[in-house]
Amino acid sequence: MRVSNTVIAGVTVLALCSGVWLLHDPTVSGVPPQPSAAEAHGTRAATTEPDTPTLPPALPDRVRIPSIGVDAPLMGLGLLPSGSLDVPPAAAKNLAGWYEAGTTPGETGTAVMAGHVDNRDGPAVFYSLGALHKGARIDVDRRDGTVARFSVDAVEVYDARDFPDEKVYGAARRPELRVITCGGGYSKRTGYQGNVVVFAHLTDTG
């Protein structure tokens, strides 16, 4: 059953965040790109634009983020017994997922996508998510033949202990999108210690 435009209470995506590539390849140095403070939300709250387009519900098939080279199929994700958002299979490095009990991308509300930053073989689908800038385009191909085109409003990184559930997953009055992967500090003992979150809103349809 879909639970459109509601808060996903207590959800985190820690299952994304082991950092297996960094653990198993001792030649690797550094971590994936992290967003700068300039890409965070400003002091002004987002407002509902009178000409913001909306689309009827339709399942998404593919996500494309041209500026960082993402072009990946989408699978549906549910919640684990722990309440955490499930994740795509780690071995499928070019596969992202969307929370299928929630809002579909393009309809009014907050749609949620998640994907791995790496796997045992190296960078995965959202490795470069932290390099996105405000205004970047995210396209979502939908099964009804339409394309939901989103514009990035902010890119932020949060420590897992302080993940702002309401801010990320809360209901919205316009079509919005969150794209989530691992980020923040990294240690071999704990893996990634937080999440990179992209905030975007629908600006066009095709």
N, C-alpha and C. Protein backbone atom coordinates (compact mmCIF):
# COMPACT_ATOMS: atom_id res chain seq x y z
N MET A 1 0.84 -1.18 0.00
CA MET A 1 0.00 0.00 0.00
C MET A 1 0.89 1.24 0.00
N ARG A 2 0.59 2.19 -0.86
CA ARG A 2 1.34 3.44 -0.89
C ARG A 2 0.87 4.35 0.23
N VAL A 3 1.83 5.03 0.85
CA VAL A 3 1.53 5.99 1.90
C VAL A 3 2.05 7.33 1.41
N SER A 4 1.32 7.95 0.51
CA SER A 4 1.82 9.12 -0.21
C SER A 4 2.01 10.33 0.69
N ASN A 5 3.15 11.01 0.50
CA ASN A 5 3.41 12.31 1.11
C ASN A 5 3.32 12.28 2.63
N THR A 6 3.93 11.28 3.24
CA THR A 6 3.97 11.22 4.69
C THR A 6 5.41 11.07 5.15
N VAL A 7 5.64 11.34 6.41
CA VAL A 7 6.97 11.18 6.97
C VAL A 7 7.29 9.70 7.11
N ILE A 8 8.50 9.31 6.72
CA ILE A 8 8.96 7.94 6.95
C ILE A 8 9.65 7.96 8.31
N ALA A 9 8.91 7.68 9.35
CA ALA A 9 9.40 7.92 10.71
C ALA A 9 10.62 7.07 11.02
N GLY A 10 11.67 7.72 11.49
CA GLY A 10 12.84 7.00 11.99
C GLY A 10 13.67 6.31 10.95
N VAL A 11 13.44 6.57 9.69
CA VAL A 11 14.18 5.88 8.66
C VAL A 11 15.60 6.42 8.55
N THR A 12 16.55 5.53 8.45
CA THR A 12 17.91 5.89 8.09
C THR A 12 18.35 4.96 6.97
N VAL A 13 19.50 5.21 6.41
CA VAL A 13 19.97 4.36 5.31
C VAL A 13 21.36 3.83 5.66
N LEU A 14 21.52 3.38 6.88
CA LEU A 14 22.82 2.92 7.33
C LEU A 14 23.30 1.69 6.56
N ALA A 15 22.38 0.92 6.00
CA ALA A 15 22.78 -0.26 5.25
C ALA A 15 23.59 0.10 4.01
N LEU A 16 23.53 1.36 3.60
CA LEU A 16 24.31 1.81 2.45
C LEU A 16 25.77 2.04 2.79
N CYS A 17 26.11 2.08 4.06
CA CYS A 17 27.27 2.86 4.49
C CYS A 17 28.45 2.08 5.05
N SER A 18 28.70 0.88 4.57
CA SER A 18 29.82 0.13 5.11
C SER A 18 31.16 0.55 4.55
N GLY A 19 31.17 1.13 3.35
CA GLY A 19 32.44 1.50 2.75
C GLY A 19 33.26 0.29 2.33
N VAL A 20 32.61 -0.70 1.73
CA VAL A 20 33.29 -1.97 1.46
C VAL A 20 34.46 -1.83 0.50
N TRP A 21 34.35 -0.91 -0.44
CA TRP A 21 35.45 -0.73 -1.39
C TRP A 21 36.70 -0.25 -0.66
N LEU A 22 36.52 0.74 0.20
CA LEU A 22 37.65 1.28 0.94
C LEU A 22 38.23 0.24 1.91
N LEU A 23 37.36 -0.62 2.43
CA LEU A 23 37.82 -1.66 3.35
C LEU A 23 38.66 -2.72 2.65
N HIS A 24 38.27 -3.06 1.43
CA HIS A 24 38.88 -4.21 0.77
C HIS A 24 39.94 -3.85 -0.26
N ASP A 25 40.17 -2.58 -0.49
CA ASP A 25 41.22 -2.18 -1.42
C ASP A 25 42.18 -1.24 -0.71
N PRO A 26 43.28 -1.76 -0.20
CA PRO A 26 44.21 -0.93 0.58
C PRO A 26 44.91 0.14 -0.25
N THR A 27 44.80 0.08 -1.57
CA THR A 27 45.45 1.08 -2.42
C THR A 27 44.63 2.35 -2.55
N VAL A 28 43.36 2.30 -2.12
CA VAL A 28 42.46 3.44 -2.26
C VAL A 28 42.73 4.46 -1.16
N SER A 29 42.82 5.72 -1.53
CA SER A 29 42.94 6.78 -0.54
C SER A 29 41.82 7.79 -0.75
N GLY A 30 41.40 8.44 0.31
CA GLY A 30 40.35 9.43 0.20
C GLY A 30 38.96 8.81 0.22
N VAL A 31 37.96 9.67 0.20
CA VAL A 31 36.56 9.25 0.23
C VAL A 31 35.83 9.95 -0.91
N PRO A 32 34.59 9.56 -1.19
CA PRO A 32 33.83 10.21 -2.26
C PRO A 32 33.68 11.71 -2.03
N PRO A 33 33.36 12.47 -3.08
CA PRO A 33 33.18 13.92 -2.93
C PRO A 33 32.12 14.24 -1.88
N GLN A 34 32.38 15.27 -1.10
CA GLN A 34 31.44 15.71 -0.08
C GLN A 34 30.96 17.12 -0.42
N PRO A 35 29.69 17.43 -0.15
CA PRO A 35 29.17 18.76 -0.50
C PRO A 35 29.82 19.86 0.32
N SER A 36 30.03 21.00 -0.31
CA SER A 36 30.57 22.15 0.40
C SER A 36 29.44 22.90 1.08
N ALA A 37 29.81 23.78 2.01
CA ALA A 37 28.81 24.57 2.72
C ALA A 37 28.00 25.45 1.77
N ALA A 38 28.59 25.80 0.62
CA ALA A 38 27.90 26.67 -0.34
C ALA A 38 26.70 25.97 -0.97
N GLU A 39 26.66 24.65 -0.92
CA GLU A 39 25.56 23.91 -1.54
C GLU A 39 24.44 23.61 -0.56
N ALA A 40 24.58 24.03 0.69
CA ALA A 40 23.55 23.77 1.70
C ALA A 40 22.38 24.73 1.53
N HIS A 41 21.30 24.44 2.24
CA HIS A 41 20.15 25.33 2.23
C HIS A 41 20.54 26.71 2.76
N GLY A 42 19.92 27.75 2.19
CA GLY A 42 20.11 29.09 2.69
C GLY A 42 19.22 29.34 3.89
N THR A 43 19.16 30.58 4.31
CA THR A 43 18.33 30.92 5.47
C THR A 43 16.86 31.07 5.10
N ARG A 44 16.57 31.28 3.82
CA ARG A 44 15.18 31.42 3.40
C ARG A 44 14.54 30.06 3.21
N ALA A 45 13.35 29.90 3.72
CA ALA A 45 12.62 28.65 3.54
C ALA A 45 12.09 28.57 2.12
N ALA A 46 12.00 27.34 1.61
CA ALA A 46 11.45 27.15 0.28
C ALA A 46 9.96 27.51 0.27
N THR A 47 9.51 28.10 -0.80
CA THR A 47 8.09 28.46 -0.93
C THR A 47 7.48 27.70 -2.08
N THR A 48 6.18 27.56 -2.06
CA THR A 48 5.49 26.89 -3.14
C THR A 48 5.34 27.85 -4.31
N GLU A 49 5.88 27.46 -5.46
CA GLU A 49 5.81 28.31 -6.64
C GLU A 49 4.44 28.13 -7.31
N PRO A 50 3.77 29.21 -7.66
CA PRO A 50 2.42 29.08 -8.22
C PRO A 50 2.35 28.31 -9.52
N ASP A 51 3.48 28.31 -10.29
CA ASP A 51 3.46 27.62 -11.56
C ASP A 51 4.21 26.29 -11.50
N THR A 52 4.44 25.77 -10.29
CA THR A 52 5.11 24.48 -10.15
C THR A 52 4.28 23.39 -10.81
N PRO A 53 4.86 22.62 -11.74
CA PRO A 53 4.09 21.55 -12.36
C PRO A 53 3.89 20.38 -11.41
N THR A 54 2.88 19.59 -11.67
CA THR A 54 2.67 18.35 -10.94
C THR A 54 2.29 17.26 -11.93
N LEU A 55 2.53 16.03 -11.55
CA LEU A 55 2.19 14.88 -12.39
C LEU A 55 1.34 13.91 -11.59
N PRO A 56 0.52 13.13 -12.25
CA PRO A 56 -0.22 12.08 -11.54
C PRO A 56 0.74 10.98 -11.12
N PRO A 57 0.34 10.12 -10.20
CA PRO A 57 1.22 9.02 -9.79
C PRO A 57 1.58 8.12 -10.97
N ALA A 58 2.84 7.74 -11.05
CA ALA A 58 3.31 6.78 -12.04
C ALA A 58 4.65 6.22 -11.56
N LEU A 59 4.83 4.92 -11.69
CA LEU A 59 6.06 4.30 -11.20
C LEU A 59 7.26 4.80 -11.99
N PRO A 60 8.38 5.05 -11.31
CA PRO A 60 9.60 5.48 -12.00
C PRO A 60 10.41 4.30 -12.50
N ASP A 61 11.08 4.48 -13.61
CA ASP A 61 11.90 3.43 -14.21
C ASP A 61 13.40 3.72 -14.15
N ARG A 62 13.77 5.00 -14.24
CA ARG A 62 15.18 5.34 -14.42
C ARG A 62 15.45 6.74 -13.88
N VAL A 63 16.66 6.93 -13.35
CA VAL A 63 17.09 8.25 -12.88
C VAL A 63 18.35 8.64 -13.65
N ARG A 64 18.38 9.90 -14.10
CA ARG A 64 19.54 10.42 -14.83
C ARG A 64 19.97 11.75 -14.22
N ILE A 65 21.25 11.85 -13.90
CA ILE A 65 21.83 13.09 -13.38
C ILE A 65 23.02 13.42 -14.27
N PRO A 66 22.81 14.16 -15.35
CA PRO A 66 23.86 14.33 -16.37
C PRO A 66 25.16 14.90 -15.84
N SER A 67 25.11 15.84 -14.90
CA SER A 67 26.33 16.52 -14.47
C SER A 67 27.31 15.63 -13.72
N ILE A 68 26.83 14.48 -13.19
CA ILE A 68 27.75 13.55 -12.53
C ILE A 68 27.72 12.17 -13.18
N GLY A 69 27.15 12.09 -14.37
CA GLY A 69 27.22 10.85 -15.15
C GLY A 69 26.34 9.72 -14.67
N VAL A 70 25.27 10.03 -13.93
CA VAL A 70 24.36 8.98 -13.47
C VAL A 70 23.30 8.70 -14.52
N ASP A 71 23.13 7.43 -14.86
CA ASP A 71 22.07 6.96 -15.76
C ASP A 71 21.78 5.54 -15.33
N ALA A 72 20.78 5.38 -14.45
CA ALA A 72 20.61 4.09 -13.78
C ALA A 72 19.15 3.69 -13.70
N PRO A 73 18.89 2.39 -13.80
CA PRO A 73 17.52 1.90 -13.56
C PRO A 73 17.17 2.00 -12.09
N LEU A 74 15.86 1.97 -11.83
CA LEU A 74 15.35 2.07 -10.47
C LEU A 74 14.58 0.81 -10.08
N MET A 75 14.73 0.41 -8.84
CA MET A 75 13.94 -0.68 -8.28
C MET A 75 13.18 -0.15 -7.06
N GLY A 76 12.08 -0.81 -6.72
CA GLY A 76 11.32 -0.42 -5.55
C GLY A 76 12.00 -0.86 -4.27
N LEU A 77 11.92 -0.02 -3.24
CA LEU A 77 12.49 -0.32 -1.93
C LEU A 77 11.40 -0.26 -0.87
N GLY A 78 11.52 -1.12 0.12
CA GLY A 78 10.62 -1.08 1.26
C GLY A 78 11.39 -0.74 2.52
N LEU A 79 10.80 -1.06 3.68
CA LEU A 79 11.45 -0.84 4.96
C LEU A 79 11.87 -2.18 5.55
N LEU A 80 13.03 -2.20 6.18
CA LEU A 80 13.50 -3.37 6.90
C LEU A 80 12.78 -3.47 8.24
N PRO A 81 12.81 -4.63 8.90
CA PRO A 81 12.16 -4.76 10.21
C PRO A 81 12.65 -3.73 11.22
N SER A 82 13.89 -3.26 11.06
CA SER A 82 14.45 -2.24 11.95
C SER A 82 13.84 -0.86 11.72
N GLY A 83 13.13 -0.69 10.61
CA GLY A 83 12.59 0.60 10.25
C GLY A 83 13.47 1.37 9.29
N SER A 84 14.65 0.83 8.97
CA SER A 84 15.53 1.47 8.02
C SER A 84 15.06 1.22 6.60
N LEU A 85 15.37 2.14 5.72
CA LEU A 85 15.07 1.96 4.30
C LEU A 85 15.94 0.86 3.74
N ASP A 86 15.35 -0.08 3.03
CA ASP A 86 16.11 -1.13 2.36
C ASP A 86 16.96 -0.51 1.26
N VAL A 87 17.88 -1.27 0.72
CA VAL A 87 18.79 -0.75 -0.29
C VAL A 87 18.87 -1.72 -1.47
N PRO A 88 19.29 -1.25 -2.64
CA PRO A 88 19.48 -2.17 -3.77
C PRO A 88 20.59 -3.18 -3.47
N PRO A 89 20.63 -4.28 -4.19
CA PRO A 89 21.71 -5.26 -4.00
C PRO A 89 23.07 -4.60 -4.18
N ALA A 90 23.98 -4.87 -3.26
CA ALA A 90 25.28 -4.21 -3.30
C ALA A 90 26.06 -4.55 -4.56
N ALA A 91 25.85 -5.75 -5.10
CA ALA A 91 26.62 -6.17 -6.27
C ALA A 91 26.22 -5.41 -7.53
N ALA A 92 25.02 -4.82 -7.53
CA ALA A 92 24.53 -4.09 -8.71
C ALA A 92 24.97 -2.63 -8.60
N LYS A 93 26.15 -2.33 -9.10
CA LYS A 93 26.75 -1.01 -8.84
C LYS A 93 26.02 0.13 -9.55
N ASN A 94 25.32 -0.17 -10.66
CA ASN A 94 24.59 0.90 -11.37
C ASN A 94 23.09 0.71 -11.23
N LEU A 95 22.64 0.62 -9.99
CA LEU A 95 21.22 0.44 -9.70
C LEU A 95 20.87 1.31 -8.50
N ALA A 96 19.79 2.08 -8.64
CA ALA A 96 19.28 2.89 -7.54
C ALA A 96 17.89 2.41 -7.17
N GLY A 97 17.38 2.87 -6.04
CA GLY A 97 16.05 2.47 -5.62
C GLY A 97 15.22 3.66 -5.18
N TRP A 98 13.91 3.45 -5.12
CA TRP A 98 13.01 4.49 -4.63
C TRP A 98 12.05 3.86 -3.63
N TYR A 99 11.60 4.64 -2.65
CA TYR A 99 10.71 4.15 -1.62
C TYR A 99 9.31 4.00 -2.19
N GLU A 100 8.94 2.74 -2.50
CA GLU A 100 7.74 2.51 -3.29
C GLU A 100 6.45 2.61 -2.50
N ALA A 101 6.51 2.71 -1.19
CA ALA A 101 5.28 2.93 -0.42
C ALA A 101 4.96 4.41 -0.27
N GLY A 102 5.83 5.26 -0.78
CA GLY A 102 5.64 6.69 -0.64
C GLY A 102 5.25 7.37 -1.94
N THR A 103 5.57 8.63 -2.04
CA THR A 103 5.24 9.45 -3.20
C THR A 103 6.04 9.01 -4.42
N THR A 104 5.40 8.96 -5.57
CA THR A 104 6.14 8.69 -6.80
C THR A 104 6.75 9.99 -7.31
N PRO A 105 7.94 9.94 -7.90
CA PRO A 105 8.59 11.17 -8.36
C PRO A 105 7.75 11.93 -9.39
N GLY A 106 7.44 13.18 -9.06
CA GLY A 106 6.65 14.01 -9.96
C GLY A 106 5.29 14.38 -9.41
N GLU A 107 4.75 13.56 -8.50
CA GLU A 107 3.48 13.94 -7.88
C GLU A 107 3.76 14.78 -6.64
N THR A 108 2.72 15.47 -6.16
CA THR A 108 2.89 16.32 -5.00
C THR A 108 3.31 15.48 -3.79
N GLY A 109 4.36 15.93 -3.12
CA GLY A 109 4.88 15.23 -1.97
C GLY A 109 6.38 15.02 -2.09
N THR A 110 6.91 14.24 -1.16
CA THR A 110 8.35 13.99 -1.10
C THR A 110 8.66 12.57 -1.55
N ALA A 111 9.28 12.44 -2.72
CA ALA A 111 9.73 11.14 -3.21
C ALA A 111 11.16 10.91 -2.73
N VAL A 112 11.48 9.65 -2.43
CA VAL A 112 12.79 9.33 -1.85
C VAL A 112 13.49 8.28 -2.70
N MET A 113 14.76 8.56 -3.02
CA MET A 113 15.63 7.61 -3.73
C MET A 113 16.89 7.36 -2.91
N ALA A 114 17.45 6.18 -3.05
CA ALA A 114 18.69 5.85 -2.37
C ALA A 114 19.52 4.93 -3.24
N GLY A 115 20.83 4.97 -3.05
CA GLY A 115 21.72 4.09 -3.80
C GLY A 115 23.07 4.03 -3.13
N HIS A 116 23.83 3.02 -3.47
CA HIS A 116 25.15 2.82 -2.87
C HIS A 116 26.16 3.84 -3.38
N VAL A 117 27.10 4.15 -2.51
CA VAL A 117 28.21 5.01 -2.91
C VAL A 117 29.36 4.16 -3.46
N ASP A 118 29.47 2.91 -2.99
CA ASP A 118 30.50 2.01 -3.50
C ASP A 118 30.08 0.57 -3.23
N ASN A 119 30.83 -0.36 -3.82
CA ASN A 119 30.72 -1.77 -3.46
C ASN A 119 32.13 -2.36 -3.49
N ARG A 120 32.25 -3.65 -3.41
CA ARG A 120 33.58 -4.27 -3.34
C ARG A 120 34.44 -3.98 -4.57
N ASP A 121 33.80 -3.64 -5.69
CA ASP A 121 34.54 -3.43 -6.93
C ASP A 121 34.92 -1.98 -7.17
N GLY A 122 34.41 -1.05 -6.35
CA GLY A 122 34.75 0.35 -6.55
C GLY A 122 33.53 1.24 -6.45
N PRO A 123 33.59 2.44 -7.05
CA PRO A 123 32.48 3.39 -6.97
C PRO A 123 31.18 2.80 -7.52
N ALA A 124 30.07 3.14 -6.87
CA ALA A 124 28.75 2.70 -7.31
C ALA A 124 27.95 3.90 -7.79
N VAL A 125 26.65 3.70 -7.98
CA VAL A 125 25.80 4.63 -8.72
C VAL A 125 25.86 6.07 -8.19
N PHE A 126 25.87 6.26 -6.88
CA PHE A 126 25.82 7.61 -6.33
C PHE A 126 27.15 8.04 -5.71
N TYR A 127 28.25 7.51 -6.22
CA TYR A 127 29.57 7.87 -5.70
C TYR A 127 29.81 9.37 -5.74
N SER A 128 29.37 10.03 -6.81
CA SER A 128 29.66 11.46 -6.99
C SER A 128 28.53 12.37 -6.54
N LEU A 129 27.56 11.84 -5.81
CA LEU A 129 26.39 12.65 -5.43
C LEU A 129 26.80 13.91 -4.67
N GLY A 130 27.81 13.81 -3.83
CA GLY A 130 28.25 14.95 -3.06
C GLY A 130 28.86 16.06 -3.88
N ALA A 131 29.15 15.80 -5.16
CA ALA A 131 29.73 16.82 -6.04
C ALA A 131 28.66 17.65 -6.75
N LEU A 132 27.39 17.32 -6.56
CA LEU A 132 26.33 18.08 -7.22
C LEU A 132 26.27 19.52 -6.71
N HIS A 133 25.81 20.40 -7.58
CA HIS A 133 25.65 21.81 -7.22
C HIS A 133 24.18 22.21 -7.31
N LYS A 134 23.83 23.27 -6.61
CA LYS A 134 22.48 23.83 -6.73
C LYS A 134 22.17 24.14 -8.19
N GLY A 135 20.97 23.82 -8.60
CA GLY A 135 20.56 24.08 -9.98
C GLY A 135 20.81 22.92 -10.91
N ALA A 136 21.55 21.91 -10.48
CA ALA A 136 21.77 20.73 -11.33
C ALA A 136 20.45 20.03 -11.61
N ARG A 137 20.39 19.34 -12.75
CA ARG A 137 19.15 18.69 -13.19
C ARG A 137 19.15 17.21 -12.83
N ILE A 138 18.01 16.74 -12.39
CA ILE A 138 17.77 15.31 -12.16
C ILE A 138 16.53 14.93 -12.95
N ASP A 139 16.66 13.97 -13.86
CA ASP A 139 15.52 13.51 -14.65
C ASP A 139 15.10 12.11 -14.20
N VAL A 140 13.81 11.92 -14.07
CA VAL A 140 13.28 10.61 -13.71
C VAL A 140 12.32 10.16 -14.81
N ASP A 141 12.67 9.08 -15.47
CA ASP A 141 11.79 8.50 -16.49
C ASP A 141 10.72 7.66 -15.80
N ARG A 142 9.46 7.86 -16.19
CA ARG A 142 8.34 7.18 -15.55
C ARG A 142 7.65 6.24 -16.53
N ARG A 143 6.97 5.24 -15.99
CA ARG A 143 6.38 4.20 -16.83
C ARG A 143 5.20 4.68 -17.65
N ASP A 144 4.66 5.86 -17.33
CA ASP A 144 3.58 6.39 -18.16
C ASP A 144 4.13 7.16 -19.36
N GLY A 145 5.44 7.12 -19.55
CA GLY A 145 6.06 7.78 -20.69
C GLY A 145 6.49 9.21 -20.44
N THR A 146 6.20 9.73 -19.26
CA THR A 146 6.60 11.10 -18.94
C THR A 146 7.98 11.12 -18.27
N VAL A 147 8.59 12.30 -18.28
CA VAL A 147 9.85 12.53 -17.58
C VAL A 147 9.62 13.63 -16.55
N ALA A 148 9.95 13.34 -15.30
CA ALA A 148 9.89 14.35 -14.24
C ALA A 148 11.27 14.98 -14.12
N ARG A 149 11.33 16.29 -14.35
CA ARG A 149 12.62 16.99 -14.34
C ARG A 149 12.71 17.85 -13.08
N PHE A 150 13.71 17.55 -12.27
CA PHE A 150 13.91 18.22 -10.99
C PHE A 150 15.14 19.12 -11.03
N SER A 151 15.11 20.17 -10.22
CA SER A 151 16.26 21.06 -10.05
C SER A 151 16.74 20.96 -8.61
N VAL A 152 18.05 20.85 -8.43
CA VAL A 152 18.63 20.69 -7.10
C VAL A 152 18.55 22.00 -6.32
N ASP A 153 17.98 21.94 -5.11
CA ASP A 153 17.88 23.09 -4.23
C ASP A 153 19.04 23.15 -3.24
N ALA A 154 19.53 22.00 -2.82
CA ALA A 154 20.60 21.96 -1.82
C ALA A 154 21.20 20.56 -1.80
N VAL A 155 22.45 20.49 -1.37
CA VAL A 155 23.14 19.22 -1.14
C VAL A 155 23.78 19.32 0.23
N GLU A 156 23.41 18.44 1.13
CA GLU A 156 23.88 18.53 2.50
C GLU A 156 24.38 17.17 2.98
N VAL A 157 25.22 17.19 4.01
CA VAL A 157 25.73 15.95 4.60
C VAL A 157 25.43 15.98 6.10
N TYR A 158 24.98 14.84 6.63
CA TYR A 158 24.58 14.75 8.02
C TYR A 158 25.27 13.57 8.69
N ASP A 159 25.69 13.77 9.92
CA ASP A 159 26.16 12.67 10.75
C ASP A 159 24.97 11.75 11.03
N ALA A 160 25.21 10.45 11.00
CA ALA A 160 24.11 9.50 11.19
C ALA A 160 23.39 9.71 12.52
N ARG A 161 24.10 10.19 13.52
CA ARG A 161 23.48 10.39 14.85
C ARG A 161 22.56 11.59 14.87
N ASP A 162 22.70 12.46 13.89
CA ASP A 162 21.90 13.69 13.86
C ASP A 162 21.10 13.81 12.57
N PHE A 163 20.73 12.67 11.99
CA PHE A 163 20.01 12.70 10.73
C PHE A 163 18.63 13.33 10.93
N PRO A 164 18.30 14.40 10.16
CA PRO A 164 17.04 15.13 10.39
C PRO A 164 15.87 14.49 9.63
N ASP A 165 15.25 13.50 10.24
CA ASP A 165 14.19 12.74 9.57
C ASP A 165 13.10 13.63 8.99
N GLU A 166 12.60 14.56 9.79
CA GLU A 166 11.48 15.40 9.34
C GLU A 166 11.90 16.26 8.15
N LYS A 167 13.09 16.84 8.21
CA LYS A 167 13.57 17.70 7.12
C LYS A 167 13.72 16.92 5.82
N VAL A 168 14.23 15.70 5.93
CA VAL A 168 14.50 14.91 4.73
C VAL A 168 13.25 14.22 4.21
N TYR A 169 12.49 13.60 5.10
CA TYR A 169 11.38 12.74 4.69
C TYR A 169 10.00 13.37 4.85
N GLY A 170 9.93 14.56 5.42
CA GLY A 170 8.63 15.15 5.74
C GLY A 170 7.80 15.48 4.50
N ALA A 171 6.50 15.63 4.71
CA ALA A 171 5.57 15.93 3.62
C ALA A 171 5.90 17.29 3.00
N ALA A 172 5.58 17.42 1.71
CA ALA A 172 5.81 18.67 0.97
C ALA A 172 4.54 19.08 0.24
N ARG A 173 4.42 20.38 -0.02
CA ARG A 173 3.24 20.90 -0.72
C ARG A 173 3.43 20.99 -2.22
N ARG A 174 4.60 20.59 -2.70
CA ARG A 174 4.89 20.56 -4.13
C ARG A 174 5.65 19.28 -4.42
N PRO A 175 5.85 18.90 -5.67
CA PRO A 175 6.61 17.68 -5.96
C PRO A 175 8.10 17.89 -5.64
N GLU A 176 8.60 17.13 -4.69
CA GLU A 176 9.99 17.22 -4.29
C GLU A 176 10.64 15.84 -4.35
N LEU A 177 11.97 15.86 -4.34
CA LEU A 177 12.75 14.62 -4.45
C LEU A 177 13.91 14.69 -3.49
N ARG A 178 14.19 13.57 -2.82
CA ARG A 178 15.40 13.42 -2.02
C ARG A 178 16.20 12.26 -2.60
N VAL A 179 17.48 12.47 -2.77
CA VAL A 179 18.38 11.41 -3.25
C VAL A 179 19.46 11.24 -2.19
N ILE A 180 19.64 10.02 -1.71
CA ILE A 180 20.44 9.77 -0.52
C ILE A 180 21.50 8.71 -0.78
N THR A 181 22.70 8.94 -0.25
CA THR A 181 23.74 7.92 -0.23
C THR A 181 24.59 8.14 1.01
N CYS A 182 25.68 7.39 1.13
CA CYS A 182 26.55 7.52 2.28
C CYS A 182 27.48 8.72 2.13
N GLY A 183 27.95 9.21 3.26
CA GLY A 183 28.89 10.32 3.22
C GLY A 183 29.40 10.65 4.59
N GLY A 184 29.97 11.81 4.72
CA GLY A 184 30.53 12.23 6.00
C GLY A 184 31.87 11.58 6.24
N GLY A 185 32.26 11.54 7.50
CA GLY A 185 33.53 10.94 7.86
C GLY A 185 33.54 9.44 7.60
N TYR A 186 34.74 8.89 7.53
CA TYR A 186 34.88 7.46 7.25
C TYR A 186 35.98 6.89 8.13
N SER A 187 35.72 5.70 8.67
CA SER A 187 36.76 4.95 9.36
C SER A 187 36.58 3.48 9.02
N LYS A 188 37.67 2.74 9.05
CA LYS A 188 37.59 1.31 8.72
C LYS A 188 36.78 0.54 9.76
N ARG A 189 36.68 1.08 10.97
CA ARG A 189 35.92 0.40 12.01
C ARG A 189 34.42 0.58 11.83
N THR A 190 34.00 1.77 11.46
CA THR A 190 32.56 2.06 11.41
C THR A 190 32.01 2.24 10.01
N GLY A 191 32.88 2.37 8.99
CA GLY A 191 32.42 2.70 7.66
C GLY A 191 32.11 4.19 7.58
N TYR A 192 31.23 4.58 6.65
CA TYR A 192 30.82 5.98 6.55
C TYR A 192 29.97 6.34 7.76
N GLN A 193 30.13 7.54 8.23
CA GLN A 193 29.49 7.94 9.47
C GLN A 193 28.27 8.85 9.26
N GLY A 194 27.84 9.01 8.02
CA GLY A 194 26.69 9.85 7.76
C GLY A 194 26.11 9.63 6.39
N ASN A 195 25.34 10.60 5.94
CA ASN A 195 24.66 10.51 4.65
C ASN A 195 24.73 11.83 3.91
N VAL A 196 24.91 11.75 2.59
CA VAL A 196 24.73 12.88 1.70
C VAL A 196 23.28 12.87 1.23
N VAL A 197 22.63 14.03 1.29
CA VAL A 197 21.22 14.14 0.87
C VAL A 197 21.10 15.28 -0.14
N VAL A 198 20.51 14.98 -1.28
CA VAL A 198 20.19 15.99 -2.28
C VAL A 198 18.71 16.34 -2.16
N PHE A 199 18.42 17.64 -2.09
CA PHE A 199 17.06 18.15 -2.05
C PHE A 199 16.76 18.78 -3.41
N ALA A 200 15.66 18.38 -4.02
CA ALA A 200 15.32 18.93 -5.35
C ALA A 200 13.80 19.08 -5.46
N HIS A 201 13.36 19.92 -6.41
CA HIS A 201 11.92 20.08 -6.65
C HIS A 201 11.65 20.03 -8.17
N LEU A 202 10.44 19.64 -8.50
CA LEU A 202 10.04 19.49 -9.89
C LEU A 202 9.94 20.85 -10.57
N THR A 203 10.59 20.98 -11.72
CA THR A 203 10.56 22.25 -12.44
C THR A 203 9.97 22.12 -13.85
N ASP A 204 9.92 20.90 -14.37
CA ASP A 204 9.44 20.72 -15.74
C ASP A 204 9.04 19.26 -15.93
N THR A 205 8.28 19.01 -16.97
CA THR A 205 7.89 17.65 -17.32
C THR A 205 8.06 17.45 -18.82
N GLY A 206 8.17 16.22 -19.22
CA GLY A 206 8.34 15.94 -20.64
C GLY A 206 7.73 14.61 -21.00
